[in-house]
Amino acid sequence: MRSADAGPAAPGRVRRPRPRSGGVPLPLLLPALLGLAFLLVPLLALVIRAPWRSMPDQLTSAAVWQALRLSLETASSATGVALVLGVPLAWLLARTRFPGRRIVRALVTLPLVLPPVVGGVALLLALGRNGVVGRWLDSWFGVTLPFTTAGVVVAEAFVAMPFLVISVEGTLRAADARYEEAAATLGASRFTAFRRVTLPLIAPGVAAGAVLAWARALGEFGATITFAGSFPGRTQTMPLSVYLALQDDPDAAIALSLVLLAVSVAVLAGLRERWTGAGAA
């Protein structure tokens, strides 16, 4: 029992129990090492077989810079679309109750498990020139999305936005809603409370989700090639360039793959505490 003069427990984060030190059971160690090798050996092979001597020439070619520039521009634009649409959607899922919310959440996360090529076909059927919505965009506004740079942005946003929604929704659920209630009692509207109170509170989660969405958009292949095609300077992004270069110039494909690998490592290193938990004690 606690002594009478002991004060109340200090509020704060609950300490997690430290794992016990000791040997690792062999039936767990061997599969763990095989799993680690299974994940790391292909990446190490990419580094080992890289044409380091010709790497400067490979990476300074006009085609590579064209694909890299297009990838950076479209991935950034797709992230902007995901932020504008995804943050309000995450708030809706986290802060409101409505019939079918679980179904909506499942549909929002569907692109995470949907094969990207299937997503590209779905975009064609919805936004193509003869699509369910695309025909009206074409006849009313003269807007055609497939096989254009804007189509690349749409395809990348479609597969990347669920990453942002999941991250922001989780942050919203962890945030204390009493701050919003206090702002409402002081006369602030719900939108003002969101803009002045909630958004600064969840800014780290929004930033993490945006970086994840950007990285996913940068590496998108299946939906992009299906919905936007592969036209140099217009829709041919870095992943598409890797695929095409692998057929004619494997060294160039390896060089481009290393660029994407470096970007992925940088993203994970920047998000290690929020996404992988590497920063935990």
Protein backbone atom coordinates (compact mmCIF):
# COMPACT_ATOMS: atom_id res chain seq x y z
CA MET A 1 0.00 0.00 0.00
CA ARG A 2 1.08 3.61 -0.64
CA SER A 3 2.17 5.49 2.47
CA ALA A 4 -0.06 8.27 3.75
CA ASP A 5 2.45 11.02 3.05
CA ALA A 6 3.01 9.94 -0.50
CA GLY A 7 1.66 12.47 -2.95
CA PRO A 8 -0.58 11.67 -5.87
CA ALA A 9 1.01 10.08 -8.90
CA ALA A 10 2.36 12.70 -11.23
CA PRO A 11 0.38 12.93 -14.45
CA GLY A 12 2.25 12.25 -17.62
CA ARG A 13 3.12 9.61 -20.10
CA VAL A 14 2.95 6.04 -18.81
CA ARG A 15 6.32 4.35 -18.88
CA ARG A 16 6.48 1.25 -21.01
CA PRO A 17 8.06 -1.78 -19.37
CA ARG A 18 11.52 -2.45 -20.69
CA PRO A 19 11.99 -5.81 -22.41
CA ARG A 20 13.92 -8.33 -20.38
CA SER A 21 17.50 -8.91 -21.34
CA GLY A 22 18.49 -12.43 -22.23
CA GLY A 23 19.18 -14.77 -25.08
CA VAL A 24 16.95 -14.96 -28.12
CA PRO A 25 15.28 -18.36 -28.66
CA LEU A 26 16.71 -20.09 -31.71
CA PRO A 27 13.27 -20.79 -33.26
CA LEU A 28 12.72 -17.00 -33.29
CA LEU A 29 16.24 -15.91 -34.16
CA LEU A 30 16.62 -17.90 -37.38
CA PRO A 31 13.34 -16.75 -39.02
CA ALA A 32 14.08 -13.19 -37.91
CA LEU A 33 17.51 -13.25 -39.56
CA LEU A 34 16.07 -14.82 -42.72
CA GLY A 35 13.37 -12.14 -42.83
CA LEU A 36 15.97 -9.41 -42.41
CA ALA A 37 18.09 -10.90 -45.20
CA PHE A 38 15.04 -11.25 -47.42
CA LEU A 39 14.37 -7.53 -47.11
CA LEU A 40 17.95 -6.24 -47.22
CA VAL A 41 19.72 -8.42 -49.78
CA PRO A 42 17.82 -7.03 -52.83
CA LEU A 43 18.61 -3.48 -51.70
CA LEU A 44 22.26 -4.33 -51.11
CA ALA A 45 22.41 -5.97 -54.53
CA LEU A 46 21.15 -2.72 -56.04
CA VAL A 47 23.97 -0.83 -54.36
CA ILE A 48 26.64 -3.44 -55.16
CA ARG A 49 25.74 -3.73 -58.84
CA ALA A 50 25.39 0.01 -59.36
CA PRO A 51 27.56 1.44 -62.18
CA TRP A 52 29.38 3.89 -59.92
CA ARG A 53 31.90 4.94 -62.58
CA SER A 54 29.27 5.92 -65.11
CA MET A 55 26.83 7.19 -62.47
CA PRO A 56 27.58 10.91 -63.05
CA ASP A 57 26.92 10.54 -66.78
CA GLN A 58 23.75 8.54 -66.15
CA LEU A 59 22.32 11.04 -63.70
CA THR A 60 23.22 14.15 -65.69
CA SER A 61 21.53 13.10 -68.92
CA ALA A 62 18.68 15.27 -70.17
CA ALA A 63 16.17 12.42 -70.03
CA VAL A 64 16.91 11.69 -66.37
CA TRP A 65 16.60 15.32 -65.29
CA GLN A 66 13.41 15.67 -67.31
CA ALA A 67 11.87 12.65 -65.59
CA LEU A 68 13.14 13.77 -62.18
CA ARG A 69 11.78 17.28 -62.59
CA LEU A 70 8.40 15.95 -63.72
CA SER A 71 8.30 13.50 -60.80
CA LEU A 72 9.06 16.21 -58.25
CA GLU A 73 6.50 18.59 -59.72
CA THR A 74 3.68 16.05 -59.99
CA ALA A 75 4.39 14.49 -56.58
CA SER A 76 4.32 17.93 -54.95
CA SER A 77 1.10 18.85 -56.76
CA ALA A 78 -0.49 15.53 -55.79
CA THR A 79 0.48 16.16 -52.16
CA GLY A 80 -1.15 19.58 -52.36
CA VAL A 81 -4.36 17.97 -53.64
CA ALA A 82 -4.17 15.38 -50.86
CA LEU A 83 -3.77 18.11 -48.23
CA VAL A 84 -6.69 20.19 -49.50
CA LEU A 85 -9.03 17.19 -49.71
CA GLY A 86 -7.55 14.77 -47.18
CA VAL A 87 -7.28 16.92 -44.05
CA PRO A 88 -11.01 17.83 -44.04
CA LEU A 89 -11.85 14.19 -44.78
CA ALA A 90 -9.72 13.03 -41.86
CA TRP A 91 -11.43 15.59 -39.59
CA LEU A 92 -14.83 14.33 -40.75
CA LEU A 93 -13.91 10.72 -39.91
CA ALA A 94 -12.36 11.60 -36.55
CA ARG A 95 -14.67 14.27 -35.16
CA THR A 96 -18.16 13.52 -36.48
CA ARG A 97 -20.57 10.63 -36.32
CA PHE A 98 -22.75 9.75 -39.29
CA PRO A 99 -24.37 6.61 -40.67
CA GLY A 100 -21.95 4.43 -42.60
CA ARG A 101 -18.80 6.02 -41.18
CA ARG A 102 -17.04 2.67 -41.00
CA ILE A 103 -17.87 1.97 -44.62
CA VAL A 104 -16.57 5.38 -45.64
CA ARG A 105 -13.34 4.79 -43.71
CA ALA A 106 -12.91 1.41 -45.43
CA LEU A 107 -13.47 2.99 -48.85
CA VAL A 108 -10.96 5.74 -48.07
CA THR A 109 -8.28 3.20 -47.24
CA LEU A 110 -9.14 0.94 -50.19
CA PRO A 111 -6.45 2.42 -52.50
CA LEU A 112 -3.85 1.17 -50.00
CA VAL A 113 -4.63 -2.46 -50.88
CA LEU A 114 -6.06 -1.99 -54.36
CA PRO A 115 -3.64 -2.97 -57.15
CA PRO A 116 -2.45 0.33 -58.68
CA VAL A 117 -3.28 -0.86 -62.20
CA VAL A 118 -6.86 -1.45 -61.09
CA GLY A 119 -6.88 2.07 -59.69
CA GLY A 120 -5.72 3.38 -63.08
CA VAL A 121 -8.51 1.49 -64.84
CA ALA A 122 -11.03 2.89 -62.36
CA LEU A 123 -9.74 6.42 -63.01
CA LEU A 124 -10.11 5.87 -66.76
CA LEU A 125 -13.69 4.70 -66.33
CA ALA A 126 -14.48 7.67 -64.08
CA LEU A 127 -12.44 10.52 -65.59
CA GLY A 128 -11.68 9.32 -69.11
CA ARG A 129 -13.08 11.11 -72.14
CA ASN A 130 -16.05 8.73 -72.11
CA GLY A 131 -16.01 8.18 -68.36
CA VAL A 132 -18.81 8.66 -65.89
CA VAL A 133 -17.53 12.13 -64.91
CA GLY A 134 -14.94 12.71 -67.63
CA ARG A 135 -17.48 13.07 -70.42
CA TRP A 136 -19.03 16.04 -68.62
CA LEU A 137 -15.64 17.58 -67.92
CA ASP A 138 -14.85 17.32 -71.61
CA SER A 139 -18.16 18.61 -72.96
CA TRP A 140 -18.73 21.38 -70.39
CA PHE A 141 -15.23 22.63 -69.65
CA GLY A 142 -13.06 21.09 -72.37
CA VAL A 143 -10.94 19.35 -69.70
CA THR A 144 -9.29 16.05 -70.64
CA LEU A 145 -7.25 14.37 -67.93
CA PRO A 146 -5.99 11.03 -69.31
CA PHE A 147 -2.49 11.03 -70.87
CA THR A 148 -1.70 14.52 -69.59
CA THR A 149 0.48 15.88 -66.81
CA ALA A 150 -2.67 16.71 -64.85
CA GLY A 151 -3.63 13.05 -65.22
CA VAL A 152 -0.36 12.08 -63.56
CA VAL A 153 -1.21 14.36 -60.61
CA VAL A 154 -4.69 12.81 -60.35
CA ALA A 155 -3.33 9.25 -60.42
CA GLU A 156 -0.68 10.01 -57.81
CA ALA A 157 -3.14 11.81 -55.55
CA PHE A 158 -5.54 8.87 -55.77
CA VAL A 159 -3.01 6.39 -54.41
CA ALA A 160 -1.26 8.78 -52.00
CA MET A 161 -4.12 10.53 -50.22
CA PRO A 162 -5.07 7.55 -47.98
CA PHE A 163 -1.63 7.76 -46.33
CA LEU A 164 -2.30 11.35 -45.35
CA VAL A 165 -5.87 10.67 -44.22
CA ILE A 166 -4.79 7.81 -41.95
CA SER A 167 -1.97 9.84 -40.41
CA VAL A 168 -4.11 12.93 -39.79
CA GLU A 169 -7.09 10.96 -38.49
CA GLY A 170 -4.87 9.15 -36.00
CA THR A 171 -3.42 12.47 -34.84
CA LEU A 172 -6.89 13.97 -34.47
CA ARG A 173 -8.08 11.03 -32.38
CA ALA A 174 -5.07 11.42 -30.09
CA ALA A 175 -5.56 15.19 -29.75
CA ASP A 176 -7.64 16.50 -26.86
CA ALA A 177 -11.00 17.70 -28.20
CA ARG A 178 -11.55 19.85 -25.11
CA TYR A 179 -9.45 22.62 -26.66
CA GLU A 180 -11.97 22.87 -29.50
CA GLU A 181 -14.84 22.83 -27.00
CA ALA A 182 -13.20 25.64 -25.04
CA ALA A 183 -12.84 27.68 -28.22
CA ALA A 184 -16.52 27.07 -28.99
CA THR A 185 -17.58 28.32 -25.54
CA LEU A 186 -15.66 31.53 -26.27
CA GLY A 187 -17.77 32.10 -29.37
CA ALA A 188 -15.58 30.59 -32.09
CA SER A 189 -17.28 28.76 -34.93
CA ARG A 190 -16.30 25.16 -35.64
CA PHE A 191 -14.27 26.24 -38.65
CA THR A 192 -12.50 28.96 -36.67
CA ALA A 193 -11.75 26.47 -33.90
CA PHE A 194 -10.36 24.07 -36.48
CA ARG A 195 -8.24 26.75 -38.14
CA ARG A 196 -6.95 28.47 -35.01
CA VAL A 197 -6.82 25.59 -32.49
CA THR A 198 -7.00 22.14 -34.05
CA LEU A 199 -4.80 22.67 -37.08
CA PRO A 200 -1.78 24.00 -35.11
CA LEU A 201 -2.29 21.17 -32.62
CA ILE A 202 -2.14 18.44 -35.28
CA ALA A 203 0.48 20.13 -37.47
CA PRO A 204 3.14 17.43 -36.83
CA GLY A 205 0.72 14.70 -37.91
CA VAL A 206 -0.27 16.66 -41.00
CA ALA A 207 3.39 17.15 -41.89
CA ALA A 208 4.14 13.46 -41.43
CA GLY A 209 1.16 12.46 -43.54
CA ALA A 210 2.14 14.94 -46.24
CA VAL A 211 5.67 13.54 -46.44
CA LEU A 212 4.35 9.98 -46.65
CA ALA A 213 1.89 10.99 -49.36
CA TRP A 214 4.64 12.78 -51.27
CA ALA A 215 6.92 9.73 -51.13
CA ARG A 216 4.09 7.44 -52.26
CA ALA A 217 3.24 9.77 -55.12
CA LEU A 218 6.88 9.96 -56.18
CA GLY A 219 7.08 6.18 -56.48
CA GLU A 220 3.71 5.60 -58.14
CA PHE A 221 3.82 3.46 -61.30
CA GLY A 222 0.76 1.31 -62.03
CA ALA A 223 -2.04 3.88 -61.87
CA THR A 224 0.13 6.47 -63.64
CA ILE A 225 1.02 4.34 -66.66
CA THR A 226 -2.57 3.11 -66.96
CA PHE A 227 -4.28 6.48 -66.65
CA ALA A 228 -1.64 8.88 -67.99
CA GLY A 229 0.62 6.76 -70.18
CA SER A 230 4.35 7.30 -70.62
CA PHE A 231 5.19 10.32 -72.77
CA PRO A 232 8.66 11.85 -72.22
CA GLY A 233 8.46 15.32 -70.73
CA ARG A 234 4.72 15.08 -70.15
CA THR A 235 3.80 11.93 -68.23
CA GLN A 236 7.01 9.87 -67.97
CA THR A 237 7.96 10.02 -64.30
CA MET A 238 10.98 8.41 -62.64
CA PRO A 239 9.39 4.97 -61.98
CA LEU A 240 8.26 4.80 -65.61
CA SER A 241 11.75 5.78 -66.75
CA VAL A 242 13.21 2.96 -64.63
CA TYR A 243 10.87 0.45 -66.24
CA LEU A 244 11.66 1.59 -69.77
CA ALA A 245 15.40 1.90 -69.17
CA LEU A 246 15.54 -1.65 -67.78
CA GLN A 247 14.72 -2.98 -71.23
CA ASP A 248 17.42 -1.09 -73.15
CA ASP A 249 19.93 0.32 -70.63
CA PRO A 250 20.10 -1.60 -67.33
CA ASP A 251 22.82 0.70 -65.95
CA ALA A 252 20.54 3.70 -66.35
CA ALA A 253 17.71 1.78 -64.67
CA ILE A 254 19.96 1.00 -61.69
CA ALA A 255 21.07 4.63 -61.43
CA LEU A 256 17.48 5.86 -61.45
CA SER A 257 16.51 3.20 -58.90
CA LEU A 258 19.26 4.39 -56.58
CA VAL A 259 17.86 7.92 -56.73
CA LEU A 260 14.43 6.68 -55.69
CA LEU A 261 16.00 4.47 -53.01
CA ALA A 262 17.87 7.45 -51.57
CA VAL A 263 14.66 9.48 -51.45
CA SER A 264 12.83 6.65 -49.67
CA VAL A 265 15.60 6.26 -47.08
CA ALA A 266 15.60 10.02 -46.47
CA VAL A 267 11.82 10.01 -45.93
CA LEU A 268 11.96 7.11 -43.46
CA ALA A 269 14.89 8.69 -41.62
CA GLY A 270 12.93 11.91 -41.23
CA LEU A 271 9.82 10.10 -39.97
CA ARG A 272 11.50 7.45 -37.82
CA GLU A 273 9.97 8.61 -34.54
CA ARG A 274 6.46 9.04 -35.88
CA TRP A 275 6.23 6.12 -38.30
CA THR A 276 8.75 3.44 -37.36
CA GLY A 277 9.15 4.15 -33.66
CA ALA A 278 12.93 4.14 -33.89
CA GLY A 279 13.16 7.15 -31.64
CA ALA A 280 11.43 5.45 -28.74
CA ALA A 281 13.58 4.69 -25.74
